[in-house]
């Protein structure tokens, strides 16, 4: 049995699309198609549509800023009906919450625990590798990073609170790294929190300027470092070296 299930467009098409999906399900059942197969494909379509909405929102947030962006902007960018948006999300804040969690997970995944195993590189080299991985992650997800590293004043009150929570978690990660460094004998006694906040401020500004320099140089994600301009704020190797030297040795001798 054949059913034409070309999707309808616009808000008025939502009910029609639902009826069509039901018709497809009935037709598939009549053709003897397993129910599990239909359910799996339907779930795949839902996940794909959800990902498309998130991608559209990310683009809008980057271009307009979170505060200035509206649900209407996201709907237009995703080319969906308003009803479709609300099938997946209740608000733009719900998407933003998901984006902050995703970015934090990416940053966490970039950092490796310092190893003292025999044959492991020196701790300083492992720190340098961590910085390189963080920068590579930021560059690979520059849309997300640009949103997260914006000036807090570009967010509304709730957005600022959410970003503060995000950066508080980053501070906790840095504090842990300082404590581990001290336990391993290569970090001095210090106020962990003050050092962590200072390190975050420096790293955040460097990453923000790195993204701006990369954009100004016209570097896109498809280009590798060898084919891209290499001013100091685009050269991730140089940035990693300078940051490690700064955090370990400071500036003055």
C-alpha atoms as a PDB file:
ATOM      1  CA  UNK A   1       0.000   0.000   0.000  1.00  0.00           C
ATOM      2  CA  UNK A   2       1.453   3.408  -0.973  1.00  0.00           C
ATOM      3  CA  UNK A   3       0.745   6.643   0.904  1.00  0.00           C
ATOM      4  CA  UNK A   4       1.961  10.057  -0.201  1.00  0.00           C
ATOM      5  CA  UNK A   5       3.583  11.574   2.907  1.00  0.00           C
ATOM      6  CA  UNK A   6       5.142  14.763   1.571  1.00  0.00           C
ATOM      7  CA  UNK A   7       5.329  17.048   4.669  1.00  0.00           C
ATOM      8  CA  UNK A   8       3.054  20.075   4.826  1.00  0.00           C
ATOM      9  CA  UNK A   9       4.614  23.445   5.638  1.00  0.00           C
ATOM     10  CA  UNK A  10       3.609  26.339   7.880  1.00  0.00           C
ATOM     11  CA  UNK A  11       1.554  26.373  11.066  1.00  0.00           C
ATOM     12  CA  UNK A  12      -1.555  25.168   9.274  1.00  0.00           C
ATOM     13  CA  UNK A  13       0.352  22.111   8.148  1.00  0.00           C
ATOM     14  CA  UNK A  14       1.007  20.768  11.651  1.00  0.00           C
ATOM     15  CA  UNK A  15      -2.280  18.909  11.950  1.00  0.00           C
ATOM     16  CA  UNK A  16      -1.995  17.695   8.385  1.00  0.00           C
ATOM     17  CA  UNK A  17       1.474  16.349   9.060  1.00  0.00           C
ATOM     18  CA  UNK A  18       0.228  14.523  12.138  1.00  0.00           C
ATOM     19  CA  UNK A  19      -2.596  12.939  10.133  1.00  0.00           C
ATOM     20  CA  UNK A  20      -0.141  11.964   7.418  1.00  0.00           C
ATOM     21  CA  UNK A  21       2.177  10.291   9.925  1.00  0.00           C
ATOM     22  CA  UNK A  22      -0.745   8.335  11.278  1.00  0.00           C
ATOM     23  CA  UNK A  23      -1.671   7.282   7.759  1.00  0.00           C
ATOM     24  CA  UNK A  24       1.890   6.192   7.107  1.00  0.00           C
ATOM     25  CA  UNK A  25       1.841   4.120  10.281  1.00  0.00           C
ATOM     26  CA  UNK A  26      -1.397   2.414   9.256  1.00  0.00           C
ATOM     27  CA  UNK A  27      -0.057   1.802   5.772  1.00  0.00           C
ATOM     28  CA  UNK A  28       3.180   0.357   7.128  1.00  0.00           C
ATOM     29  CA  UNK A  29       1.262  -1.947   9.428  1.00  0.00           C
ATOM     30  CA  UNK A  30      -0.868  -3.118   6.517  1.00  0.00           C
ATOM     31  CA  UNK A  31       2.313  -3.821   4.556  1.00  0.00           C
ATOM     32  CA  UNK A  32       3.600  -5.933   7.425  1.00  0.00           C
ATOM     33  CA  UNK A  33       6.399  -3.552   8.472  1.00  0.00           C
ATOM     34  CA  UNK A  34       7.548  -4.174  12.076  1.00  0.00           C
ATOM     35  CA  UNK A  35       6.280  -1.624  14.582  1.00  0.00           C
ATOM     36  CA  UNK A  36       9.750  -1.367  16.165  1.00  0.00           C
ATOM     37  CA  UNK A  37      11.198  -0.276  12.821  1.00  0.00           C
ATOM     38  CA  UNK A  38       8.624   2.484  12.436  1.00  0.00           C
ATOM     39  CA  UNK A  39       9.191   3.666  15.987  1.00  0.00           C
ATOM     40  CA  UNK A  40      12.954   3.753  15.480  1.00  0.00           C
ATOM     41  CA  UNK A  41      12.629   5.825  12.317  1.00  0.00           C
ATOM     42  CA  UNK A  42      10.163   8.199  13.964  1.00  0.00           C
ATOM     43  CA  UNK A  43      12.545   8.658  16.899  1.00  0.00           C
ATOM     44  CA  UNK A  44      15.407   9.305  14.479  1.00  0.00           C
ATOM     45  CA  UNK A  45      13.359  11.983  12.700  1.00  0.00           C
ATOM     46  CA  UNK A  46      12.516  13.633  16.025  1.00  0.00           C
ATOM     47  CA  UNK A  47      16.153  13.673  17.104  1.00  0.00           C
ATOM     48  CA  UNK A  48      17.208  15.088  13.751  1.00  0.00           C
ATOM     49  CA  UNK A  49      14.614  17.863  13.913  1.00  0.00           C
ATOM     50  CA  UNK A  50      15.615  18.668  17.500  1.00  0.00           C
ATOM     51  CA  UNK A  51      19.273  18.915  16.462  1.00  0.00           C
ATOM     52  CA  UNK A  52      18.315  21.187  13.567  1.00  0.00           C
ATOM     53  CA  UNK A  53      16.485  23.544  15.939  1.00  0.00           C
ATOM     54  CA  UNK A  54      19.471  23.636  18.313  1.00  0.00           C
ATOM     55  CA  UNK A  55      21.844  24.335  15.407  1.00  0.00           C
ATOM     56  CA  UNK A  56      19.593  27.152  14.174  1.00  0.00           C
ATOM     57  CA  UNK A  57      19.378  28.635  17.673  1.00  0.00           C
ATOM     58  CA  UNK A  58      23.161  28.487  18.054  1.00  0.00           C
ATOM     59  CA  UNK A  59      23.576  30.410  14.806  1.00  0.00           C
ATOM     60  CA  UNK A  60      21.006  33.015  15.873  1.00  0.00           C
ATOM     61  CA  UNK A  61      22.519  33.421  19.356  1.00  0.00           C
ATOM     62  CA  UNK A  62      25.949  33.958  17.816  1.00  0.00           C
ATOM     63  CA  UNK A  63      24.758  36.496  15.259  1.00  0.00           C
ATOM     64  CA  UNK A  64      22.285  38.461  17.389  1.00  0.00           C
ATOM     65  CA  UNK A  65      23.300  37.678  20.944  1.00  0.00           C
ATOM     66  CA  UNK A  66      21.147  35.710  23.341  1.00  0.00           C
ATOM     67  CA  UNK A  67      19.210  38.675  24.727  1.00  0.00           C
ATOM     68  CA  UNK A  68      18.323  40.124  21.314  1.00  0.00           C
ATOM     69  CA  UNK A  69      17.409  36.770  19.784  1.00  0.00           C
ATOM     70  CA  UNK A  70      13.753  35.769  19.744  1.00  0.00           C
ATOM     71  CA  UNK A  71      11.947  32.482  19.284  1.00  0.00           C
ATOM     72  CA  UNK A  72      10.715  33.909  16.002  1.00  0.00           C
ATOM     73  CA  UNK A  73      14.321  34.319  14.848  1.00  0.00           C
ATOM     74  CA  UNK A  74      15.042  30.684  15.706  1.00  0.00           C
ATOM     75  CA  UNK A  75      11.888  29.516  13.929  1.00  0.00           C
ATOM     76  CA  UNK A  76      12.858  31.457  10.798  1.00  0.00           C
ATOM     77  CA  UNK A  77      16.427  30.127  10.847  1.00  0.00           C
ATOM     78  CA  UNK A  78      15.220  26.545  11.313  1.00  0.00           C
ATOM     79  CA  UNK A  79      12.483  27.019   8.692  1.00  0.00           C
ATOM     80  CA  UNK A  80       9.833  25.437  10.886  1.00  0.00           C
ATOM     81  CA  UNK A  81       6.380  26.345  12.138  1.00  0.00           C
ATOM     82  CA  UNK A  82       5.961  27.847  15.612  1.00  0.00           C
ATOM     83  CA  UNK A  83       4.025  24.774  16.702  1.00  0.00           C
ATOM     84  CA  UNK A  84       6.946  22.568  15.738  1.00  0.00           C
ATOM     85  CA  UNK A  85       9.315  24.584  17.937  1.00  0.00           C
ATOM     86  CA  UNK A  86       7.090  24.078  20.974  1.00  0.00           C
ATOM     87  CA  UNK A  87       6.960  20.340  20.368  1.00  0.00           C
ATOM     88  CA  UNK A  88      10.641  20.283  21.321  1.00  0.00           C
ATOM     89  CA  UNK A  89      11.329  23.306  23.530  1.00  0.00           C
ATOM     90  CA  UNK A  90       9.326  25.539  25.840  1.00  0.00           C
ATOM     91  CA  UNK A  91      11.573  28.592  25.497  1.00  0.00           C
ATOM     92  CA  UNK A  92      14.854  29.864  24.098  1.00  0.00           C
ATOM     93  CA  UNK A  93      16.265  29.588  27.625  1.00  0.00           C
ATOM     94  CA  UNK A  94      15.764  25.832  27.505  1.00  0.00           C
ATOM     95  CA  UNK A  95      17.988  25.683  24.428  1.00  0.00           C
ATOM     96  CA  UNK A  96      20.542  27.994  26.024  1.00  0.00           C
ATOM     97  CA  UNK A  97      20.685  25.785  29.117  1.00  0.00           C
ATOM     98  CA  UNK A  98      21.426  22.810  26.903  1.00  0.00           C
ATOM     99  CA  UNK A  99      24.152  24.725  25.054  1.00  0.00           C
ATOM    100  CA  UNK A 100      25.923  25.745  28.279  1.00  0.00           C
ATOM    101  CA  UNK A 101      25.858  22.137  29.515  1.00  0.00           C
ATOM    102  CA  UNK A 102      27.230  20.936  26.180  1.00  0.00           C
ATOM    103  CA  UNK A 103      30.064  23.477  26.193  1.00  0.00           C
ATOM    104  CA  UNK A 104      31.033  22.649  29.776  1.00  0.00           C
ATOM    105  CA  UNK A 105      31.116  18.943  28.893  1.00  0.00           C
ATOM    106  CA  UNK A 106      33.347  19.702  25.907  1.00  0.00           C
ATOM    107  CA  UNK A 107      35.777  21.684  28.065  1.00  0.00           C
ATOM    108  CA  UNK A 108      35.833  18.970  30.736  1.00  0.00           C
ATOM    109  CA  UNK A 109      36.501  16.389  28.053  1.00  0.00           C
ATOM    110  CA  UNK A 110      39.491  18.406  26.816  1.00  0.00           C
ATOM    111  CA  UNK A 111      41.341  18.267  30.128  1.00  0.00           C
ATOM    112  CA  UNK A 112      43.346  15.193  31.077  1.00  0.00           C
ATOM    113  CA  UNK A 113      44.466  14.338  34.596  1.00  0.00           C
ATOM    114  CA  UNK A 114      48.173  14.905  35.190  1.00  0.00           C
ATOM    115  CA  UNK A 115      49.925  11.531  35.274  1.00  0.00           C
ATOM    116  CA  UNK A 116      53.059  10.711  37.242  1.00  0.00           C
ATOM    117  CA  UNK A 117      53.355   7.235  35.757  1.00  0.00           C
ATOM    118  CA  UNK A 118      56.763   6.168  34.543  1.00  0.00           C
ATOM    119  CA  UNK A 119      57.149   7.126  30.918  1.00  0.00           C
ATOM    120  CA  UNK A 120      54.558   9.912  31.172  1.00  0.00           C
ATOM    121  CA  UNK A 121      55.624  13.352  29.875  1.00  0.00           C
ATOM    122  CA  UNK A 122      56.691  15.954  32.469  1.00  0.00           C
ATOM    123  CA  UNK A 123      53.718  17.594  34.239  1.00  0.00           C
ATOM    124  CA  UNK A 124      54.402  20.940  32.524  1.00  0.00           C
ATOM    125  CA  UNK A 125      54.171  19.266  29.111  1.00  0.00           C
ATOM    126  CA  UNK A 126      50.886  17.643  30.132  1.00  0.00           C
ATOM    127  CA  UNK A 127      49.575  21.057  31.189  1.00  0.00           C
ATOM    128  CA  UNK A 128      50.624  22.488  27.836  1.00  0.00           C
ATOM    129  CA  UNK A 129      48.792  19.626  26.079  1.00  0.00           C
ATOM    130  CA  UNK A 130      45.669  20.417  28.135  1.00  0.00           C
ATOM    131  CA  UNK A 131      45.785  24.049  27.009  1.00  0.00           C
ATOM    132  CA  UNK A 132      46.179  22.970  23.398  1.00  0.00           C
ATOM    133  CA  UNK A 133      43.200  20.630  23.641  1.00  0.00           C
ATOM    134  CA  UNK A 134      41.033  23.339  25.222  1.00  0.00           C
ATOM    135  CA  UNK A 135      41.943  25.752  22.430  1.00  0.00           C
ATOM    136  CA  UNK A 136      41.315  23.134  19.770  1.00  0.00           C
ATOM    137  CA  UNK A 137      37.910  22.433  21.328  1.00  0.00           C
ATOM    138  CA  UNK A 138      37.061  26.141  21.386  1.00  0.00           C
ATOM    139  CA  UNK A 139      38.051  26.502  17.726  1.00  0.00           C
ATOM    140  CA  UNK A 140      36.171  23.361  16.700  1.00  0.00           C
ATOM    141  CA  UNK A 141      33.025  24.714  18.394  1.00  0.00           C
ATOM    142  CA  UNK A 142      33.548  28.410  17.776  1.00  0.00           C
ATOM    143  CA  UNK A 143      29.815  29.160  17.511  1.00  0.00           C
ATOM    144  CA  UNK A 144      29.258  27.846  21.032  1.00  0.00           C
ATOM    145  CA  UNK A 145      32.450  29.411  22.352  1.00  0.00           C
ATOM    146  CA  UNK A 146      31.613  32.836  20.922  1.00  0.00           C
ATOM    147  CA  UNK A 147      28.230  32.752  22.673  1.00  0.00           C
ATOM    148  CA  UNK A 148      29.694  31.654  26.006  1.00  0.00           C
ATOM    149  CA  UNK A 149      32.603  34.111  26.007  1.00  0.00           C
ATOM    150  CA  UNK A 150      30.530  37.208  25.291  1.00  0.00           C
ATOM    151  CA  UNK A 151      30.449  40.162  27.645  1.00  0.00           C
ATOM    152  CA  UNK A 152      27.928  39.349  30.430  1.00  0.00           C
ATOM    153  CA  UNK A 153      26.114  42.637  29.737  1.00  0.00           C
ATOM    154  CA  UNK A 154      24.867  41.129  26.465  1.00  0.00           C
ATOM    155  CA  UNK A 155      22.687  38.686  28.439  1.00  0.00           C
ATOM    156  CA  UNK A 156      19.482  39.397  30.320  1.00  0.00           C
ATOM    157  CA  UNK A 157      19.383  38.946  34.109  1.00  0.00           C
ATOM    158  CA  UNK A 158      18.549  35.240  33.936  1.00  0.00           C
ATOM    159  CA  UNK A 159      21.140  34.698  31.220  1.00  0.00           C
ATOM    160  CA  UNK A 160      23.791  36.417  33.333  1.00  0.00           C
ATOM    161  CA  UNK A 161      22.922  34.175  36.277  1.00  0.00           C
ATOM    162  CA  UNK A 162      23.215  31.105  34.085  1.00  0.00           C
ATOM    163  CA  UNK A 163      26.572  32.225  32.697  1.00  0.00           C
ATOM    164  CA  UNK A 164      27.801  32.952  36.217  1.00  0.00           C
ATOM    165  CA  UNK A 165      26.902  29.398  37.193  1.00  0.00           C
ATOM    166  CA  UNK A 166      28.763  28.102  34.138  1.00  0.00           C
ATOM    167  CA  UNK A 167      31.944  30.040  34.935  1.00  0.00           C
ATOM    168  CA  UNK A 168      31.710  29.104  38.625  1.00  0.00           C
ATOM    169  CA  UNK A 169      32.001  25.488  37.505  1.00  0.00           C
ATOM    170  CA  UNK A 170      35.074  26.360  35.437  1.00  0.00           C
ATOM    171  CA  UNK A 171      36.597  28.038  38.507  1.00  0.00           C
ATOM    172  CA  UNK A 172      35.991  24.837  40.469  1.00  0.00           C
ATOM    173  CA  UNK A 173      37.847  22.859  37.789  1.00  0.00           C
ATOM    174  CA  UNK A 174      40.817  25.237  37.984  1.00  0.00           C
ATOM    175  CA  UNK A 175      40.819  25.133  41.789  1.00  0.00           C
ATOM    176  CA  UNK A 176      40.984  21.343  41.599  1.00  0.00           C
ATOM    177  CA  UNK A 177      43.894  21.565  39.147  1.00  0.00           C
ATOM    178  CA  UNK A 178      45.766  23.904  41.541  1.00  0.00           C
ATOM    179  CA  UNK A 179      45.207  21.537  44.470  1.00  0.00           C
ATOM    180  CA  UNK A 180      46.391  18.577  42.423  1.00  0.00           C
ATOM    181  CA  UNK A 181      49.441  20.560  41.325  1.00  0.00           C
ATOM    182  CA  UNK A 182      50.275  21.370  44.930  1.00  0.00           C
ATOM    183  CA  UNK A 183      49.887  17.735  45.969  1.00  0.00           C
ATOM    184  CA  UNK A 184      52.278  16.760  43.163  1.00  0.00           C
ATOM    185  CA  UNK A 185      54.826  19.308  44.321  1.00  0.00           C
ATOM    186  CA  UNK A 186      54.863  21.778  41.423  1.00  0.00           C
ATOM    187  CA  UNK A 187      52.365  24.386  42.686  1.00  0.00           C
ATOM    188  CA  UNK A 188      53.092  26.721  45.596  1.00  0.00           C
ATOM    189  CA  UNK A 189      50.867  27.364  48.583  1.00  0.00           C
ATOM    190  CA  UNK A 190      48.274  29.933  47.564  1.00  0.00           C
ATOM    191  CA  UNK A 191      44.632  30.941  47.814  1.00  0.00           C
ATOM    192  CA  UNK A 192      43.149  28.442  45.375  1.00  0.00           C
ATOM    193  CA  UNK A 193      40.038  30.500  44.712  1.00  0.00           C
ATOM    194  CA  UNK A 194      41.845  33.764  43.957  1.00  0.00           C
ATOM    195  CA  UNK A 195      44.289  31.981  41.664  1.00  0.00           C
ATOM    196  CA  UNK A 196      41.457  30.133  39.903  1.00  0.00           C
ATOM    197  CA  UNK A 197      39.422  33.313  39.330  1.00  0.00           C
ATOM    198  CA  UNK A 198      42.532  35.123  38.038  1.00  0.00           C
ATOM    199  CA  UNK A 199      43.393  32.213  35.725  1.00  0.00           C
ATOM    200  CA  UNK A 200      39.849  32.098  34.391  1.00  0.00           C
ATOM    201  CA  UNK A 201      39.880  35.820  33.678  1.00  0.00           C
ATOM    202  CA  UNK A 202      43.130  35.546  31.752  1.00  0.00           C
ATOM    203  CA  UNK A 203      42.115  32.404  29.852  1.00  0.00           C
ATOM    204  CA  UNK A 204      38.663  33.746  29.040  1.00  0.00           C
ATOM    205  CA  UNK A 205      40.040  36.971  27.573  1.00  0.00           C
ATOM    206  CA  UNK A 206      42.719  35.153  25.582  1.00  0.00           C
ATOM    207  CA  UNK A 207      40.145  32.753  24.122  1.00  0.00           C
ATOM    208  CA  UNK A 208      37.743  35.597  23.320  1.00  0.00           C
ATOM    209  CA  UNK A 209      40.471  37.529  21.509  1.00  0.00           C
ATOM    210  CA  UNK A 210      41.664  34.365  19.775  1.00  0.00           C
ATOM    211  CA  UNK A 211      38.200  33.836  18.308  1.00  0.00           C
ATOM    212  CA  UNK A 212      37.986  37.488  17.244  1.00  0.00           C
ATOM    213  CA  UNK A 213      41.432  37.321  15.606  1.00  0.00           C
ATOM    214  CA  UNK A 214      40.504  34.091  13.860  1.00  0.00           C
ATOM    215  CA  UNK A 215      37.320  35.658  12.507  1.00  0.00           C
ATOM    216  CA  UNK A 216      39.177  38.798  11.406  1.00  0.00           C
ATOM    217  CA  UNK A 217      41.776  36.654   9.633  1.00  0.00           C
ATOM    218  CA  UNK A 218      38.997  34.895   7.732  1.00  0.00           C
ATOM    219  CA  UNK A 219      39.872  31.455   9.090  1.00  0.00           C
ATOM    220  CA  UNK A 220      37.055  28.954   8.762  1.00  0.00           C
ATOM    221  CA  UNK A 221      36.612  25.502  10.233  1.00  0.00           C
ATOM    222  CA  UNK A 222      37.609  23.734   7.021  1.00  0.00           C
ATOM    223  CA  UNK A 223      41.111  25.284   7.059  1.00  0.00           C
ATOM    224  CA  UNK A 224      43.939  23.761   9.028  1.00  0.00           C
ATOM    225  CA  UNK A 225      46.572  25.753  10.899  1.00  0.00           C
ATOM    226  CA  UNK A 226      49.101  25.268   8.103  1.00  0.00           C
ATOM    227  CA  UNK A 227      46.920  27.141   5.601  1.00  0.00           C
ATOM    228  CA  UNK A 228      45.727  29.848   7.970  1.00  0.00           C
ATOM    229  CA  UNK A 229      47.295  33.178   8.900  1.00  0.00           C
ATOM    230  CA  UNK A 230      49.260  32.862  12.152  1.00  0.00           C
ATOM    231  CA  UNK A 231      49.247  36.083  14.166  1.00  0.00           C
ATOM    232  CA  UNK A 232      49.987  35.485  17.841  1.00  0.00           C
ATOM    233  CA  UNK A 233      46.317  35.136  18.794  1.00  0.00           C
ATOM    234  CA  UNK A 234      45.602  32.558  16.099  1.00  0.00           C
ATOM    235  CA  UNK A 235      48.714  30.414  16.648  1.00  0.00           C
ATOM    236  CA  UNK A 236      47.436  27.908  19.242  1.00  0.00           C
ATOM    237  CA  UNK A 237      50.886  26.408  19.835  1.00  0.00           C
ATOM    238  CA  UNK A 238      52.313  29.800  20.764  1.00  0.00           C
ATOM    239  CA  UNK A 239      49.286  30.625  22.893  1.00  0.00           C
ATOM    240  CA  UNK A 240      49.570  27.352  24.813  1.00  0.00           C
ATOM    241  CA  UNK A 241      53.290  27.908  25.435  1.00  0.00           C
ATOM    242  CA  UNK A 242      52.783  31.477  26.675  1.00  0.00           C
ATOM    243  CA  UNK A 243      49.853  30.564  28.920  1.00  0.00           C
ATOM    244  CA  UNK A 244      51.699  27.690  30.577  1.00  0.00           C
ATOM    245  CA  UNK A 245      54.771  29.882  31.101  1.00  0.00           C
ATOM    246  CA  UNK A 246      52.598  32.656  32.519  1.00  0.00           C
ATOM    247  CA  UNK A 247      50.700  30.420  34.924  1.00  0.00           C
ATOM    248  CA  UNK A 248      53.794  28.502  36.052  1.00  0.00           C
ATOM    249  CA  UNK A 249      56.492  31.185  36.138  1.00  0.00           C
ATOM    250  CA  UNK A 250      54.644  34.505  35.989  1.00  0.00           C
ATOM    251  CA  UNK A 251      56.183  37.444  34.130  1.00  0.00           C
ATOM    252  CA  UNK A 252      58.986  38.962  36.220  1.00  0.00           C
ATOM    253  CA  UNK A 253      62.297  37.225  36.904  1.00  0.00           C
END
